[in-house]
Amino acid sequence: MEIRELEKKDIPELNKLLNSIVEEGIYFARNEKRTLKEEKNLFETYLRKKNGKLMFVCLKNNEIAGFSSATRKQGKRNHVWEISYCIKKEYRKKGLGSALLSKLLDHLRDKDAEQVIAWVIEINKPSINLLNKYGFEETGRIKNGIKIGENYCDYILFQKRNILAKSTKKTSPNIKK
């Protein structure tokens, strides 16, 4: 397994990963698949303007198995970074989420991030458990804030403050082969 920053050559496979998540119906950031051209513009913009953005890909068996990203908020919120991550279905429950989140948090400490936030839908128990494992706390909730099919679910805000303080807890992930 390798975790590294996004490179231009990763964009086609990352697009496939995101579209597979959309097909599952759990990727709430969008409802429809995107073409490679649409994603290429988005990620090439990221590659040109990295100052307030981080994006890592996790490679397993020579394919992108997951990714994580962080975006710095602007203005009076520039001490806050918003994160997101996803793992390809066949690679879940193998420690990749922990590995990606750990790497992302380490890099955010290097960038002097003071707070990190993440939005999660209430039915995504693995993500909620992962955030809790890394010391995030639920700080807000939008009741029925997300509609999946005909069902509504809560949109939950998680926050980790004081991430500059090094944790004494071992955070290196236990990767399953």
N, C-alpha and C. Protein backbone atom coordinates (compact mmCIF):
# COMPACT_ATOMS: atom_id res chain seq x y z
N MET A 1 0.84 -1.17 0.00
CA MET A 1 0.00 0.00 0.00
C MET A 1 0.88 1.24 0.00
N GLU A 2 0.48 2.21 -0.80
CA GLU A 2 1.20 3.49 -0.87
C GLU A 2 0.18 4.62 -0.76
N ILE A 3 0.51 5.63 0.04
CA ILE A 3 -0.31 6.84 0.12
C ILE A 3 0.57 7.99 -0.30
N ARG A 4 0.09 8.75 -1.30
CA ARG A 4 0.86 9.88 -1.80
C ARG A 4 -0.09 10.96 -2.29
N GLU A 5 0.48 12.14 -2.55
CA GLU A 5 -0.34 13.24 -3.07
C GLU A 5 -0.85 12.92 -4.46
N LEU A 6 -2.00 13.48 -4.77
CA LEU A 6 -2.62 13.31 -6.09
C LEU A 6 -1.67 13.81 -7.17
N GLU A 7 -1.59 13.05 -8.26
CA GLU A 7 -0.83 13.45 -9.44
C GLU A 7 -1.78 13.45 -10.64
N LYS A 8 -1.39 14.17 -11.66
CA LYS A 8 -2.24 14.30 -12.86
C LYS A 8 -2.61 12.93 -13.43
N LYS A 9 -1.70 12.00 -13.40
CA LYS A 9 -1.95 10.67 -13.97
C LYS A 9 -3.03 9.89 -13.21
N ASP A 10 -3.37 10.33 -11.97
CA ASP A 10 -4.36 9.65 -11.13
C ASP A 10 -5.80 10.03 -11.48
N ILE A 11 -5.99 11.12 -12.21
CA ILE A 11 -7.33 11.68 -12.40
C ILE A 11 -8.30 10.68 -13.04
N PRO A 12 -7.95 9.94 -14.10
CA PRO A 12 -8.94 9.00 -14.66
C PRO A 12 -9.39 7.94 -13.66
N GLU A 13 -8.46 7.38 -12.91
CA GLU A 13 -8.84 6.34 -11.96
C GLU A 13 -9.60 6.92 -10.76
N LEU A 14 -9.23 8.11 -10.34
CA LEU A 14 -9.96 8.76 -9.26
C LEU A 14 -11.40 9.04 -9.68
N ASN A 15 -11.58 9.43 -10.93
CA ASN A 15 -12.94 9.65 -11.45
C ASN A 15 -13.75 8.36 -11.40
N LYS A 16 -13.13 7.23 -11.73
CA LYS A 16 -13.82 5.94 -11.66
C LYS A 16 -14.23 5.63 -10.22
N LEU A 17 -13.33 5.89 -9.28
CA LEU A 17 -13.64 5.66 -7.87
C LEU A 17 -14.84 6.51 -7.43
N LEU A 18 -14.81 7.80 -7.73
CA LEU A 18 -15.90 8.68 -7.33
C LEU A 18 -17.22 8.26 -7.96
N ASN A 19 -17.19 7.88 -9.23
CA ASN A 19 -18.41 7.43 -9.89
C ASN A 19 -18.94 6.13 -9.29
N SER A 20 -18.04 5.25 -8.84
CA SER A 20 -18.50 4.01 -8.19
C SER A 20 -19.19 4.32 -6.86
N ILE A 21 -18.72 5.34 -6.16
CA ILE A 21 -19.34 5.75 -4.91
C ILE A 21 -20.72 6.36 -5.19
N VAL A 22 -20.82 7.15 -6.26
CA VAL A 22 -22.11 7.72 -6.67
C VAL A 22 -23.10 6.60 -6.97
N GLU A 23 -22.65 5.54 -7.66
CA GLU A 23 -23.52 4.41 -8.00
C GLU A 23 -24.07 3.73 -6.75
N GLU A 24 -23.27 3.70 -5.68
CA GLU A 24 -23.74 3.10 -4.42
C GLU A 24 -24.84 3.93 -3.77
N GLY A 25 -24.94 5.19 -4.16
CA GLY A 25 -25.97 6.06 -3.61
C GLY A 25 -25.62 6.66 -2.27
N ILE A 26 -24.34 6.57 -1.86
CA ILE A 26 -23.97 7.09 -0.54
C ILE A 26 -23.09 8.33 -0.61
N TYR A 27 -22.65 8.69 -1.79
CA TYR A 27 -21.79 9.87 -1.93
C TYR A 27 -22.69 11.08 -2.03
N PHE A 28 -22.89 11.77 -0.91
CA PHE A 28 -23.90 12.82 -0.86
C PHE A 28 -23.46 14.13 -1.47
N ALA A 29 -22.21 14.28 -1.84
CA ALA A 29 -21.75 15.54 -2.42
C ALA A 29 -22.32 15.77 -3.81
N ARG A 30 -22.73 14.70 -4.45
CA ARG A 30 -23.37 14.84 -5.75
C ARG A 30 -24.25 13.63 -6.02
N ASN A 31 -25.17 13.80 -6.94
CA ASN A 31 -26.14 12.75 -7.25
C ASN A 31 -25.84 12.00 -8.53
N GLU A 32 -24.99 12.57 -9.37
CA GLU A 32 -24.76 11.99 -10.69
C GLU A 32 -23.28 11.77 -10.93
N LYS A 33 -23.02 10.79 -11.78
CA LYS A 33 -21.64 10.56 -12.21
C LYS A 33 -21.15 11.77 -12.99
N ARG A 34 -19.85 11.94 -13.01
CA ARG A 34 -19.25 13.01 -13.81
C ARG A 34 -18.33 12.40 -14.85
N THR A 35 -18.23 13.09 -15.97
CA THR A 35 -17.34 12.64 -17.03
C THR A 35 -15.89 12.92 -16.63
N LEU A 36 -14.98 12.28 -17.30
CA LEU A 36 -13.56 12.52 -17.05
C LEU A 36 -13.21 13.98 -17.32
N LYS A 37 -13.83 14.58 -18.34
CA LYS A 37 -13.56 15.98 -18.65
C LYS A 37 -13.96 16.89 -17.48
N GLU A 38 -15.12 16.64 -16.90
CA GLU A 38 -15.58 17.44 -15.75
C GLU A 38 -14.63 17.29 -14.56
N GLU A 39 -14.23 16.08 -14.26
CA GLU A 39 -13.32 15.84 -13.14
C GLU A 39 -11.92 16.37 -13.43
N LYS A 40 -11.50 16.22 -14.67
CA LYS A 40 -10.16 16.68 -15.03
C LYS A 40 -10.01 18.17 -14.75
N ASN A 41 -11.01 18.95 -15.11
CA ASN A 41 -10.96 20.39 -14.84
C ASN A 41 -10.85 20.66 -13.34
N LEU A 42 -11.66 19.95 -12.55
CA LEU A 42 -11.67 20.14 -11.11
C LEU A 42 -10.31 19.79 -10.50
N PHE A 43 -9.78 18.63 -10.84
CA PHE A 43 -8.53 18.19 -10.20
C PHE A 43 -7.30 18.88 -10.77
N GLU A 44 -7.34 19.27 -12.05
CA GLU A 44 -6.22 20.05 -12.56
C GLU A 44 -6.16 21.41 -11.90
N THR A 45 -7.32 21.98 -11.58
CA THR A 45 -7.35 23.24 -10.82
C THR A 45 -6.71 23.01 -9.45
N TYR A 46 -7.03 21.88 -8.81
CA TYR A 46 -6.40 21.55 -7.53
C TYR A 46 -4.88 21.49 -7.67
N LEU A 47 -4.42 20.82 -8.70
CA LEU A 47 -2.97 20.65 -8.88
C LEU A 47 -2.26 21.99 -9.09
N ARG A 48 -2.95 22.97 -9.68
CA ARG A 48 -2.35 24.29 -9.89
C ARG A 48 -2.39 25.17 -8.65
N LYS A 49 -3.41 25.02 -7.82
CA LYS A 49 -3.62 25.90 -6.66
C LYS A 49 -3.61 25.11 -5.38
N LYS A 50 -2.48 24.56 -4.99
CA LYS A 50 -2.42 23.68 -3.84
C LYS A 50 -2.39 24.38 -2.50
N ASN A 51 -2.19 25.69 -2.45
CA ASN A 51 -2.00 26.39 -1.17
C ASN A 51 -2.98 25.97 -0.09
N GLY A 52 -4.25 26.02 -0.37
CA GLY A 52 -5.26 25.73 0.63
C GLY A 52 -5.92 24.38 0.45
N LYS A 53 -5.21 23.47 -0.23
CA LYS A 53 -5.79 22.16 -0.49
C LYS A 53 -4.74 21.06 -0.34
N LEU A 54 -5.20 19.92 0.11
CA LEU A 54 -4.38 18.71 0.16
C LEU A 54 -5.22 17.57 -0.39
N MET A 55 -4.62 16.69 -1.15
CA MET A 55 -5.34 15.52 -1.60
C MET A 55 -4.37 14.36 -1.71
N PHE A 56 -4.75 13.25 -1.08
CA PHE A 56 -3.93 12.04 -1.11
C PHE A 56 -4.72 10.91 -1.75
N VAL A 57 -4.00 10.05 -2.46
CA VAL A 57 -4.59 8.83 -2.98
C VAL A 57 -3.91 7.65 -2.30
N CYS A 58 -4.68 6.60 -2.12
CA CYS A 58 -4.16 5.37 -1.53
C CYS A 58 -4.15 4.32 -2.64
N LEU A 59 -2.97 3.80 -2.94
CA LEU A 59 -2.82 2.80 -3.99
C LEU A 59 -2.66 1.41 -3.37
N LYS A 60 -3.43 0.49 -3.86
CA LYS A 60 -3.34 -0.90 -3.41
C LYS A 60 -3.51 -1.76 -4.65
N ASN A 61 -2.63 -2.72 -4.82
CA ASN A 61 -2.66 -3.58 -6.01
C ASN A 61 -2.63 -2.74 -7.29
N ASN A 62 -1.82 -1.69 -7.28
CA ASN A 62 -1.64 -0.79 -8.42
C ASN A 62 -2.91 -0.09 -8.88
N GLU A 63 -3.88 0.10 -7.98
CA GLU A 63 -5.07 0.87 -8.33
C GLU A 63 -5.41 1.79 -7.16
N ILE A 64 -6.15 2.84 -7.46
CA ILE A 64 -6.57 3.76 -6.41
C ILE A 64 -7.69 3.09 -5.62
N ALA A 65 -7.40 2.86 -4.33
CA ALA A 65 -8.35 2.20 -3.45
C ALA A 65 -9.12 3.22 -2.61
N GLY A 66 -8.60 4.44 -2.52
CA GLY A 66 -9.28 5.47 -1.74
C GLY A 66 -8.56 6.80 -1.87
N PHE A 67 -9.17 7.83 -1.33
CA PHE A 67 -8.53 9.14 -1.33
C PHE A 67 -9.00 9.92 -0.11
N SER A 68 -8.23 10.93 0.24
CA SER A 68 -8.62 11.87 1.29
C SER A 68 -8.23 13.26 0.82
N SER A 69 -8.98 14.25 1.30
CA SER A 69 -8.67 15.61 0.91
C SER A 69 -8.97 16.56 2.05
N ALA A 70 -8.36 17.73 1.99
CA ALA A 70 -8.61 18.79 2.96
C ALA A 70 -8.58 20.12 2.22
N THR A 71 -9.50 20.99 2.59
CA THR A 71 -9.58 22.32 2.00
C THR A 71 -9.60 23.34 3.13
N ARG A 72 -8.69 24.30 3.04
CA ARG A 72 -8.63 25.36 4.04
C ARG A 72 -9.76 26.36 3.79
N LYS A 73 -10.46 26.72 4.86
CA LYS A 73 -11.50 27.75 4.76
C LYS A 73 -10.83 29.11 4.58
N GLN A 74 -11.59 30.07 4.14
CA GLN A 74 -11.04 31.39 3.80
C GLN A 74 -11.38 32.45 4.85
N GLY A 75 -10.66 33.56 4.78
CA GLY A 75 -10.95 34.72 5.62
C GLY A 75 -10.75 34.44 7.10
N LYS A 76 -11.73 34.82 7.89
CA LYS A 76 -11.64 34.66 9.34
C LYS A 76 -11.78 33.20 9.78
N ARG A 77 -12.00 32.32 8.82
CA ARG A 77 -12.08 30.88 9.12
C ARG A 77 -10.84 30.13 8.62
N ASN A 78 -9.77 30.84 8.29
CA ASN A 78 -8.63 30.17 7.67
C ASN A 78 -7.82 29.29 8.62
N HIS A 79 -8.22 29.20 9.85
CA HIS A 79 -7.60 28.27 10.80
C HIS A 79 -8.32 26.91 10.78
N VAL A 80 -9.38 26.83 9.98
CA VAL A 80 -10.22 25.62 9.90
C VAL A 80 -10.01 24.95 8.54
N TRP A 81 -9.86 23.65 8.56
CA TRP A 81 -9.76 22.84 7.35
C TRP A 81 -10.92 21.85 7.32
N GLU A 82 -11.56 21.70 6.17
CA GLU A 82 -12.63 20.72 6.01
C GLU A 82 -12.07 19.51 5.26
N ILE A 83 -12.33 18.32 5.80
CA ILE A 83 -11.79 17.10 5.20
C ILE A 83 -12.90 16.24 4.60
N SER A 84 -12.48 15.37 3.70
CA SER A 84 -13.36 14.33 3.17
C SER A 84 -12.49 13.15 2.78
N TYR A 85 -13.11 12.01 2.62
CA TYR A 85 -12.38 10.79 2.25
C TYR A 85 -13.38 9.75 1.76
N CYS A 86 -12.90 8.82 0.98
CA CYS A 86 -13.73 7.68 0.61
C CYS A 86 -12.83 6.52 0.21
N ILE A 87 -13.37 5.34 0.40
CA ILE A 87 -12.66 4.09 0.12
C ILE A 87 -13.51 3.27 -0.84
N LYS A 88 -12.86 2.71 -1.84
CA LYS A 88 -13.54 1.83 -2.80
C LYS A 88 -14.16 0.65 -2.04
N LYS A 89 -15.33 0.25 -2.43
CA LYS A 89 -16.11 -0.75 -1.70
C LYS A 89 -15.30 -1.99 -1.31
N GLU A 90 -14.56 -2.53 -2.26
CA GLU A 90 -13.85 -3.79 -1.99
C GLU A 90 -12.64 -3.64 -1.05
N TYR A 91 -12.28 -2.39 -0.72
CA TYR A 91 -11.14 -2.16 0.17
C TYR A 91 -11.55 -1.66 1.55
N ARG A 92 -12.83 -1.60 1.81
CA ARG A 92 -13.29 -1.10 3.11
C ARG A 92 -13.04 -2.14 4.21
N LYS A 93 -12.96 -1.66 5.43
CA LYS A 93 -12.75 -2.49 6.63
C LYS A 93 -11.39 -3.18 6.60
N LYS A 94 -10.40 -2.52 5.99
CA LYS A 94 -9.04 -3.07 5.94
C LYS A 94 -8.01 -2.07 6.48
N GLY A 95 -8.47 -0.97 7.08
CA GLY A 95 -7.56 0.00 7.67
C GLY A 95 -7.14 1.13 6.76
N LEU A 96 -7.63 1.16 5.53
CA LEU A 96 -7.22 2.22 4.60
C LEU A 96 -7.75 3.58 5.02
N GLY A 97 -8.97 3.64 5.55
CA GLY A 97 -9.52 4.90 6.04
C GLY A 97 -8.66 5.48 7.15
N SER A 98 -8.24 4.64 8.06
CA SER A 98 -7.35 5.08 9.15
C SER A 98 -6.02 5.58 8.60
N ALA A 99 -5.48 4.85 7.65
CA ALA A 99 -4.19 5.25 7.07
C ALA A 99 -4.30 6.60 6.37
N LEU A 100 -5.35 6.79 5.60
CA LEU A 100 -5.55 8.07 4.89
C LEU A 100 -5.80 9.23 5.86
N LEU A 101 -6.64 9.00 6.86
CA LEU A 101 -6.95 10.07 7.81
C LEU A 101 -5.72 10.42 8.65
N SER A 102 -4.96 9.43 9.05
CA SER A 102 -3.74 9.68 9.82
C SER A 102 -2.75 10.52 9.02
N LYS A 103 -2.55 10.16 7.76
CA LYS A 103 -1.64 10.91 6.88
C LYS A 103 -2.13 12.35 6.69
N LEU A 104 -3.42 12.49 6.48
CA LEU A 104 -4.01 13.81 6.27
C LEU A 104 -3.83 14.68 7.51
N LEU A 105 -4.12 14.14 8.69
CA LEU A 105 -3.97 14.91 9.93
C LEU A 105 -2.52 15.29 10.19
N ASP A 106 -1.58 14.39 9.89
CA ASP A 106 -0.16 14.72 10.04
C ASP A 106 0.21 15.92 9.17
N HIS A 107 -0.26 15.92 7.94
CA HIS A 107 0.05 17.03 7.03
C HIS A 107 -0.64 18.33 7.47
N LEU A 108 -1.82 18.21 8.01
CA LEU A 108 -2.52 19.40 8.49
C LEU A 108 -1.80 20.00 9.70
N ARG A 109 -1.23 19.16 10.55
CA ARG A 109 -0.41 19.68 11.65
C ARG A 109 0.78 20.46 11.10
N ASP A 110 1.40 19.93 10.06
CA ASP A 110 2.54 20.63 9.44
C ASP A 110 2.13 21.98 8.85
N LYS A 111 0.85 22.11 8.48
CA LYS A 111 0.35 23.37 7.92
C LYS A 111 -0.26 24.27 9.01
N ASP A 112 -0.03 23.89 10.28
CA ASP A 112 -0.51 24.66 11.43
C ASP A 112 -2.03 24.80 11.48
N ALA A 113 -2.74 23.80 11.00
CA ALA A 113 -4.20 23.80 11.11
C ALA A 113 -4.57 23.76 12.59
N GLU A 114 -5.53 24.55 12.97
CA GLU A 114 -5.97 24.56 14.37
C GLU A 114 -7.21 23.70 14.58
N GLN A 115 -8.08 23.67 13.57
CA GLN A 115 -9.31 22.90 13.68
C GLN A 115 -9.57 22.17 12.37
N VAL A 116 -10.20 21.00 12.49
CA VAL A 116 -10.56 20.21 11.31
C VAL A 116 -12.02 19.82 11.47
N ILE A 117 -12.78 19.96 10.38
CA ILE A 117 -14.19 19.57 10.41
C ILE A 117 -14.47 18.56 9.31
N ALA A 118 -15.53 17.79 9.52
CA ALA A 118 -15.97 16.81 8.52
C ALA A 118 -17.49 16.69 8.62
N TRP A 119 -18.14 16.62 7.48
CA TRP A 119 -19.59 16.40 7.43
C TRP A 119 -19.83 14.94 7.08
N VAL A 120 -20.75 14.29 7.80
CA VAL A 120 -21.04 12.87 7.59
C VAL A 120 -22.55 12.67 7.68
N ILE A 121 -23.07 11.76 6.87
CA ILE A 121 -24.49 11.44 7.00
C ILE A 121 -24.64 10.37 8.08
N GLU A 122 -25.75 10.43 8.80
CA GLU A 122 -25.94 9.59 9.98
C GLU A 122 -25.89 8.08 9.69
N ILE A 123 -26.17 7.68 8.47
CA ILE A 123 -26.15 6.25 8.16
C ILE A 123 -24.76 5.72 7.85
N ASN A 124 -23.77 6.61 7.79
CA ASN A 124 -22.40 6.19 7.50
C ASN A 124 -21.66 5.90 8.81
N LYS A 125 -22.05 4.80 9.45
CA LYS A 125 -21.48 4.42 10.76
C LYS A 125 -19.97 4.20 10.70
N PRO A 126 -19.42 3.57 9.66
CA PRO A 126 -17.96 3.40 9.63
C PRO A 126 -17.21 4.74 9.66
N SER A 127 -17.73 5.73 8.96
CA SER A 127 -17.08 7.04 8.95
C SER A 127 -17.20 7.72 10.32
N ILE A 128 -18.36 7.61 10.93
CA ILE A 128 -18.56 8.17 12.27
C ILE A 128 -17.59 7.52 13.25
N ASN A 129 -17.46 6.20 13.18
CA ASN A 129 -16.53 5.49 14.06
C ASN A 129 -15.09 5.91 13.83
N LEU A 130 -14.72 6.11 12.57
CA LEU A 130 -13.36 6.53 12.24
C LEU A 130 -13.07 7.92 12.82
N LEU A 131 -13.99 8.84 12.65
CA LEU A 131 -13.79 10.18 13.19
C LEU A 131 -13.70 10.15 14.71
N ASN A 132 -14.55 9.36 15.36
CA ASN A 132 -14.48 9.24 16.82
C ASN A 132 -13.14 8.66 17.26
N LYS A 133 -12.64 7.68 16.52
CA LYS A 133 -11.34 7.06 16.83
C LYS A 133 -10.22 8.10 16.85
N TYR A 134 -10.30 9.09 15.98
CA TYR A 134 -9.26 10.11 15.87
C TYR A 134 -9.59 11.38 16.67
N GLY A 135 -10.54 11.29 17.58
CA GLY A 135 -10.79 12.38 18.51
C GLY A 135 -11.72 13.47 18.02
N PHE A 136 -12.44 13.23 16.94
CA PHE A 136 -13.43 14.20 16.47
C PHE A 136 -14.68 14.09 17.35
N GLU A 137 -15.37 15.20 17.52
CA GLU A 137 -16.60 15.23 18.30
C GLU A 137 -17.74 15.76 17.44
N GLU A 138 -18.93 15.21 17.65
CA GLU A 138 -20.10 15.76 16.96
C GLU A 138 -20.40 17.12 17.56
N THR A 139 -20.47 18.14 16.70
CA THR A 139 -20.74 19.50 17.18
C THR A 139 -21.97 20.13 16.56
N GLY A 140 -22.58 19.45 15.61
CA GLY A 140 -23.77 20.01 14.98
C GLY A 140 -24.50 18.97 14.17
N ARG A 141 -25.76 19.26 13.90
CA ARG A 141 -26.58 18.29 13.16
C ARG A 141 -27.68 19.04 12.44
N ILE A 142 -27.84 18.76 11.16
CA ILE A 142 -28.96 19.28 10.40
C ILE A 142 -29.94 18.13 10.23
N LYS A 143 -31.05 18.23 10.92
CA LYS A 143 -32.07 17.17 10.86
C LYS A 143 -32.61 17.05 9.45
N ASN A 144 -32.67 15.83 8.95
CA ASN A 144 -33.18 15.54 7.60
C ASN A 144 -32.48 16.39 6.54
N GLY A 145 -31.19 16.64 6.73
CA GLY A 145 -30.44 17.51 5.84
C GLY A 145 -30.01 16.88 4.53
N ILE A 146 -30.12 15.57 4.42
CA ILE A 146 -29.73 14.86 3.21
C ILE A 146 -30.88 13.95 2.80
N LYS A 147 -31.17 13.94 1.50
CA LYS A 147 -32.21 13.05 0.98
C LYS A 147 -31.55 12.02 0.07
N ILE A 148 -31.73 10.76 0.43
CA ILE A 148 -31.20 9.66 -0.37
C ILE A 148 -32.39 8.84 -0.84
N GLY A 149 -32.65 8.90 -2.13
CA GLY A 149 -33.86 8.27 -2.66
C GLY A 149 -35.07 8.99 -2.09
N GLU A 150 -35.92 8.26 -1.42
CA GLU A 150 -37.11 8.85 -0.79
C GLU A 150 -36.92 9.07 0.71
N ASN A 151 -35.75 8.73 1.22
CA ASN A 151 -35.50 8.82 2.66
C ASN A 151 -34.62 10.01 3.01
N TYR A 152 -34.87 10.57 4.17
CA TYR A 152 -34.07 11.67 4.70
C TYR A 152 -33.20 11.15 5.83
N CYS A 153 -32.04 11.74 5.96
CA CYS A 153 -31.19 11.43 7.11
C CYS A 153 -30.47 12.69 7.57
N ASP A 154 -29.98 12.64 8.80
CA ASP A 154 -29.31 13.80 9.37
C ASP A 154 -27.91 13.98 8.77
N TYR A 155 -27.52 15.23 8.70
CA TYR A 155 -26.22 15.66 8.20
C TYR A 155 -25.45 16.12 9.43
N ILE A 156 -24.38 15.43 9.80
CA ILE A 156 -23.71 15.66 11.08
C ILE A 156 -22.36 16.33 10.86
N LEU A 157 -22.10 17.34 11.66
CA LEU A 157 -20.82 18.04 11.64
C LEU A 157 -19.94 17.50 12.77
N PHE A 158 -18.73 17.06 12.41
CA PHE A 158 -17.73 16.63 13.38
C PHE A 158 -16.59 17.62 13.37
N GLN A 159 -16.00 17.82 14.53
CA GLN A 159 -14.92 18.80 14.66
C GLN A 159 -13.82 18.23 15.56
N LYS A 160 -12.59 18.53 15.18
CA LYS A 160 -11.43 18.21 16.00
C LYS A 160 -10.68 19.51 16.20
N ARG A 161 -10.59 19.92 17.46
CA ARG A 161 -9.89 21.17 17.78
C ARG A 161 -8.52 20.84 18.33
N ASN A 162 -7.66 21.86 18.32
CA ASN A 162 -6.31 21.73 18.87
C ASN A 162 -5.54 20.56 18.26
N ILE A 163 -5.58 20.43 16.95
CA ILE A 163 -4.87 19.31 16.33
C ILE A 163 -3.37 19.50 16.35
N LEU A 164 -2.91 20.71 16.66
CA LEU A 164 -1.46 20.95 16.73
C LEU A 164 -0.84 20.24 17.91
N ALA A 165 -1.63 19.98 18.95
CA ALA A 165 -1.12 19.25 20.11
C ALA A 165 -0.93 17.80 19.69
N LYS A 166 0.28 17.32 19.78
CA LYS A 166 0.55 15.93 19.40
C LYS A 166 -0.15 14.99 20.38
N SER A 167 -0.79 14.01 19.83
CA SER A 167 -1.49 13.04 20.65
C SER A 167 -0.50 12.04 21.22
N THR A 168 -0.75 11.60 22.45
CA THR A 168 0.09 10.55 23.03
C THR A 168 -0.43 9.19 22.62
N LYS A 169 -1.65 9.16 22.09
CA LYS A 169 -2.24 7.92 21.62
C LYS A 169 -1.58 7.50 20.31
N LYS A 170 -1.31 6.21 20.20
CA LYS A 170 -0.75 5.69 18.95
C LYS A 170 -1.78 5.84 17.85
N THR A 171 -1.41 6.54 16.77
CA THR A 171 -2.37 6.75 15.69
C THR A 171 -2.00 6.01 14.42
N SER A 172 -0.90 5.28 14.43
CA SER A 172 -0.55 4.56 13.21
C SER A 172 -1.55 3.43 12.99
N PRO A 173 -2.09 3.35 11.81
CA PRO A 173 -3.15 2.39 11.53
C PRO A 173 -2.64 0.95 11.48
N ASN A 174 -3.52 0.05 11.80
CA ASN A 174 -3.23 -1.36 11.71
C ASN A 174 -3.82 -1.86 10.39
N ILE A 175 -2.98 -1.99 9.39
CA ILE A 175 -3.45 -2.35 8.05
C ILE A 175 -3.58 -3.86 7.93
N LYS A 176 -4.75 -4.30 7.47
CA LYS A 176 -4.97 -5.72 7.23
C LYS A 176 -4.56 -6.05 5.81
N LYS A 177 -3.90 -7.14 5.62
CA LYS A 177 -3.43 -7.56 4.29
C LYS A 177 -4.56 -8.12 3.46
